[in-house]
Amino acid sequence: MSDDAWTPTAKRYAVDTGSSPPRLGEVTRCHGGSVFLRPPGGGAEWAASPEKVRRPTDAEWARIRVVTTPVRAVGS
């Protein structure tokens, strides 16, 4: 799938390039001409312009996986 065909929809991860530095987030909803995102692992939601939101790169996916992958407790 090309980036032209990618659209931000709920439950997908995206990058807000309108922030400095760009911010990674999970799309929670699209409403009223804005895309709403929440940081991987939780936190405050923010609104982004749809034109400034893109698909994460492979390196950004690696960062998302580090934050969202559960870790098992050892020797409890």
N, C-alpha and C. Protein backbone atom coordinates (compact mmCIF):
# COMPACT_ATOMS: atom_id res chain seq x y z
N MET A 1 0.84 -1.17 0.00
CA MET A 1 0.00 0.00 0.00
C MET A 1 0.89 1.24 0.00
N SER A 2 0.60 2.21 -0.86
CA SER A 2 1.40 3.43 -0.91
C SER A 2 0.91 4.41 0.15
N ASP A 3 1.76 5.40 0.48
CA ASP A 3 1.37 6.41 1.46
C ASP A 3 0.17 7.22 0.99
N ASP A 4 -0.01 7.34 -0.35
CA ASP A 4 -1.15 8.08 -0.88
C ASP A 4 -2.47 7.42 -0.48
N ALA A 5 -2.47 6.09 -0.34
CA ALA A 5 -3.69 5.37 -0.01
C ALA A 5 -3.92 5.29 1.50
N TRP A 6 -2.93 5.64 2.31
CA TRP A 6 -3.03 5.55 3.76
C TRP A 6 -3.87 6.70 4.29
N THR A 7 -4.78 6.39 5.19
CA THR A 7 -5.57 7.42 5.86
C THR A 7 -5.58 7.15 7.36
N PRO A 8 -5.57 8.21 8.16
CA PRO A 8 -5.63 8.01 9.61
C PRO A 8 -7.04 7.61 10.03
N THR A 9 -7.15 6.45 10.64
CA THR A 9 -8.44 6.00 11.17
C THR A 9 -8.21 5.50 12.59
N ALA A 10 -9.29 5.41 13.34
CA ALA A 10 -9.21 5.00 14.75
C ALA A 10 -8.45 3.69 14.90
N LYS A 11 -7.65 3.61 15.94
CA LYS A 11 -6.84 2.45 16.33
C LYS A 11 -5.57 2.28 15.50
N ARG A 12 -5.30 3.18 14.55
CA ARG A 12 -4.05 3.15 13.79
C ARG A 12 -3.07 4.11 14.45
N TYR A 13 -1.78 3.81 14.31
CA TYR A 13 -0.77 4.74 14.79
C TYR A 13 -0.40 5.68 13.66
N ALA A 14 -0.05 6.90 14.03
CA ALA A 14 0.28 7.93 13.06
C ALA A 14 1.33 8.87 13.65
N VAL A 15 1.88 9.71 12.80
CA VAL A 15 2.86 10.71 13.22
C VAL A 15 2.30 12.09 12.90
N ASP A 16 2.26 12.95 13.90
CA ASP A 16 1.84 14.33 13.72
C ASP A 16 3.08 15.14 13.37
N THR A 17 3.21 15.49 12.10
CA THR A 17 4.38 16.25 11.65
C THR A 17 4.22 17.75 11.88
N GLY A 18 3.04 18.16 12.33
CA GLY A 18 2.81 19.57 12.66
C GLY A 18 3.38 19.95 14.00
N SER A 19 3.79 18.98 14.79
CA SER A 19 4.42 19.22 16.09
C SER A 19 5.92 19.32 15.89
N SER A 20 6.58 20.00 16.80
CA SER A 20 8.04 20.06 16.74
C SER A 20 8.58 19.63 18.11
N PRO A 21 9.22 18.48 18.21
CA PRO A 21 9.45 17.48 17.15
C PRO A 21 8.16 16.72 16.82
N PRO A 22 8.15 16.00 15.68
CA PRO A 22 6.97 15.20 15.33
C PRO A 22 6.61 14.23 16.46
N ARG A 23 5.31 14.04 16.68
CA ARG A 23 4.84 13.19 17.78
C ARG A 23 4.15 11.95 17.24
N LEU A 24 4.43 10.81 17.89
CA LEU A 24 3.76 9.55 17.57
C LEU A 24 2.48 9.47 18.38
N GLY A 25 1.44 8.91 17.77
CA GLY A 25 0.21 8.74 18.53
C GLY A 25 -0.72 7.73 17.89
N GLU A 26 -1.63 7.20 18.71
CA GLU A 26 -2.67 6.31 18.22
C GLU A 26 -3.89 7.18 17.91
N VAL A 27 -4.42 7.05 16.72
CA VAL A 27 -5.60 7.82 16.34
C VAL A 27 -6.77 7.32 17.18
N THR A 28 -7.42 8.25 17.87
CA THR A 28 -8.59 7.89 18.68
C THR A 28 -9.88 8.18 17.92
N ARG A 29 -9.84 9.24 17.10
CA ARG A 29 -11.01 9.60 16.30
C ARG A 29 -10.63 10.68 15.31
N CYS A 30 -11.48 10.84 14.31
CA CYS A 30 -11.38 11.93 13.35
C CYS A 30 -12.71 12.65 13.42
N HIS A 31 -12.66 13.96 13.71
CA HIS A 31 -13.91 14.69 13.91
C HIS A 31 -13.68 16.17 13.66
N GLY A 32 -14.62 16.79 12.97
CA GLY A 32 -14.59 18.24 12.78
C GLY A 32 -13.34 18.74 12.07
N GLY A 33 -12.82 17.98 11.13
CA GLY A 33 -11.63 18.41 10.40
C GLY A 33 -10.33 18.24 11.15
N SER A 34 -10.34 17.48 12.23
CA SER A 34 -9.12 17.21 13.00
C SER A 34 -8.97 15.72 13.22
N VAL A 35 -7.73 15.31 13.42
CA VAL A 35 -7.40 13.94 13.81
C VAL A 35 -6.96 14.01 15.26
N PHE A 36 -7.57 13.20 16.11
CA PHE A 36 -7.22 13.20 17.53
C PHE A 36 -6.34 12.00 17.81
N LEU A 37 -5.21 12.25 18.49
CA LEU A 37 -4.23 11.20 18.78
C LEU A 37 -3.94 11.16 20.27
N ARG A 38 -3.48 10.00 20.73
CA ARG A 38 -3.06 9.79 22.12
C ARG A 38 -1.69 9.11 22.05
N PRO A 39 -0.74 9.52 22.89
CA PRO A 39 0.59 8.92 22.85
C PRO A 39 0.55 7.40 23.07
N PRO A 40 1.45 6.66 22.45
CA PRO A 40 1.52 5.22 22.71
C PRO A 40 1.74 5.00 24.21
N GLY A 41 1.00 4.10 24.80
CA GLY A 41 1.14 3.84 26.22
C GLY A 41 0.25 4.72 27.08
N GLY A 42 -0.45 5.68 26.47
CA GLY A 42 -1.38 6.52 27.21
C GLY A 42 -0.89 7.94 27.40
N GLY A 43 -1.81 8.79 27.81
CA GLY A 43 -1.49 10.19 28.02
C GLY A 43 -2.59 11.07 27.47
N ALA A 44 -2.34 12.37 27.48
CA ALA A 44 -3.34 13.33 27.04
C ALA A 44 -3.50 13.31 25.52
N GLU A 45 -4.75 13.36 25.10
CA GLU A 45 -5.08 13.40 23.68
C GLU A 45 -4.80 14.80 23.13
N TRP A 46 -4.42 14.87 21.85
CA TRP A 46 -4.25 16.17 21.19
C TRP A 46 -4.85 16.10 19.79
N ALA A 47 -5.13 17.26 19.23
CA ALA A 47 -5.70 17.36 17.88
C ALA A 47 -4.61 17.74 16.89
N ALA A 48 -4.70 17.15 15.70
CA ALA A 48 -3.75 17.45 14.64
C ALA A 48 -4.51 17.69 13.34
N SER A 49 -3.89 18.44 12.46
CA SER A 49 -4.47 18.68 11.15
C SER A 49 -4.29 17.42 10.30
N PRO A 50 -5.32 16.95 9.60
CA PRO A 50 -5.18 15.73 8.78
C PRO A 50 -4.06 15.81 7.75
N GLU A 51 -3.78 17.02 7.25
CA GLU A 51 -2.70 17.18 6.26
C GLU A 51 -1.32 17.00 6.86
N LYS A 52 -1.23 17.09 8.18
CA LYS A 52 0.06 16.97 8.89
C LYS A 52 0.25 15.60 9.53
N VAL A 53 -0.63 14.65 9.24
CA VAL A 53 -0.55 13.32 9.84
C VAL A 53 -0.14 12.33 8.76
N ARG A 54 0.84 11.47 9.09
CA ARG A 54 1.32 10.48 8.13
C ARG A 54 1.52 9.13 8.80
N ARG A 55 1.78 8.13 7.95
CA ARG A 55 2.08 6.78 8.40
C ARG A 55 3.45 6.75 9.09
N PRO A 56 3.62 5.99 10.18
CA PRO A 56 4.93 5.87 10.83
C PRO A 56 5.94 5.13 9.94
N THR A 57 7.20 5.53 10.06
CA THR A 57 8.29 4.83 9.38
C THR A 57 8.61 3.55 10.16
N ASP A 58 9.47 2.71 9.62
CA ASP A 58 9.88 1.49 10.33
C ASP A 58 10.55 1.83 11.67
N ALA A 59 11.37 2.86 11.70
CA ALA A 59 12.04 3.25 12.95
C ALA A 59 11.01 3.74 13.98
N GLU A 60 10.01 4.47 13.52
CA GLU A 60 8.97 4.94 14.44
C GLU A 60 8.13 3.78 14.94
N TRP A 61 7.88 2.78 14.10
CA TRP A 61 7.16 1.58 14.55
C TRP A 61 7.94 0.87 15.64
N ALA A 62 9.26 0.84 15.52
CA ALA A 62 10.08 0.21 16.56
C ALA A 62 9.87 0.93 17.89
N ARG A 63 9.82 2.26 17.89
CA ARG A 63 9.57 3.02 19.13
C ARG A 63 8.18 2.72 19.68
N ILE A 64 7.19 2.62 18.81
CA ILE A 64 5.83 2.31 19.25
C ILE A 64 5.79 0.95 19.91
N ARG A 65 6.46 -0.04 19.31
CA ARG A 65 6.46 -1.40 19.87
C ARG A 65 7.12 -1.45 21.24
N VAL A 66 8.18 -0.69 21.44
CA VAL A 66 8.85 -0.67 22.74
C VAL A 66 7.89 -0.19 23.83
N VAL A 67 7.11 0.81 23.55
CA VAL A 67 6.22 1.41 24.54
C VAL A 67 4.97 0.58 24.76
N THR A 68 4.49 -0.11 23.72
CA THR A 68 3.18 -0.78 23.82
C THR A 68 3.27 -2.28 24.07
N THR A 69 4.45 -2.87 24.06
CA THR A 69 4.58 -4.31 24.28
C THR A 69 4.63 -4.62 25.76
N PRO A 70 3.69 -5.43 26.26
CA PRO A 70 3.70 -5.78 27.68
C PRO A 70 4.93 -6.61 28.04
N VAL A 71 5.40 -6.43 29.23
CA VAL A 71 6.55 -7.19 29.74
C VAL A 71 6.07 -8.07 30.88
N ARG A 72 6.41 -9.34 30.83
CA ARG A 72 5.98 -10.29 31.88
C ARG A 72 6.85 -10.12 33.12
N ALA A 73 6.22 -10.30 34.26
CA ALA A 73 6.96 -10.27 35.52
C ALA A 73 7.78 -11.56 35.63
N VAL A 74 8.95 -11.45 36.20
CA VAL A 74 9.83 -12.59 36.35
C VAL A 74 9.93 -12.97 37.82
N GLY A 75 9.76 -14.28 38.10
CA GLY A 75 9.96 -14.83 39.43
C GLY A 75 9.12 -14.22 40.55
N SER A 76 7.83 -14.10 40.34
CA SER A 76 7.01 -13.54 41.41
C SER A 76 6.73 -14.54 42.47
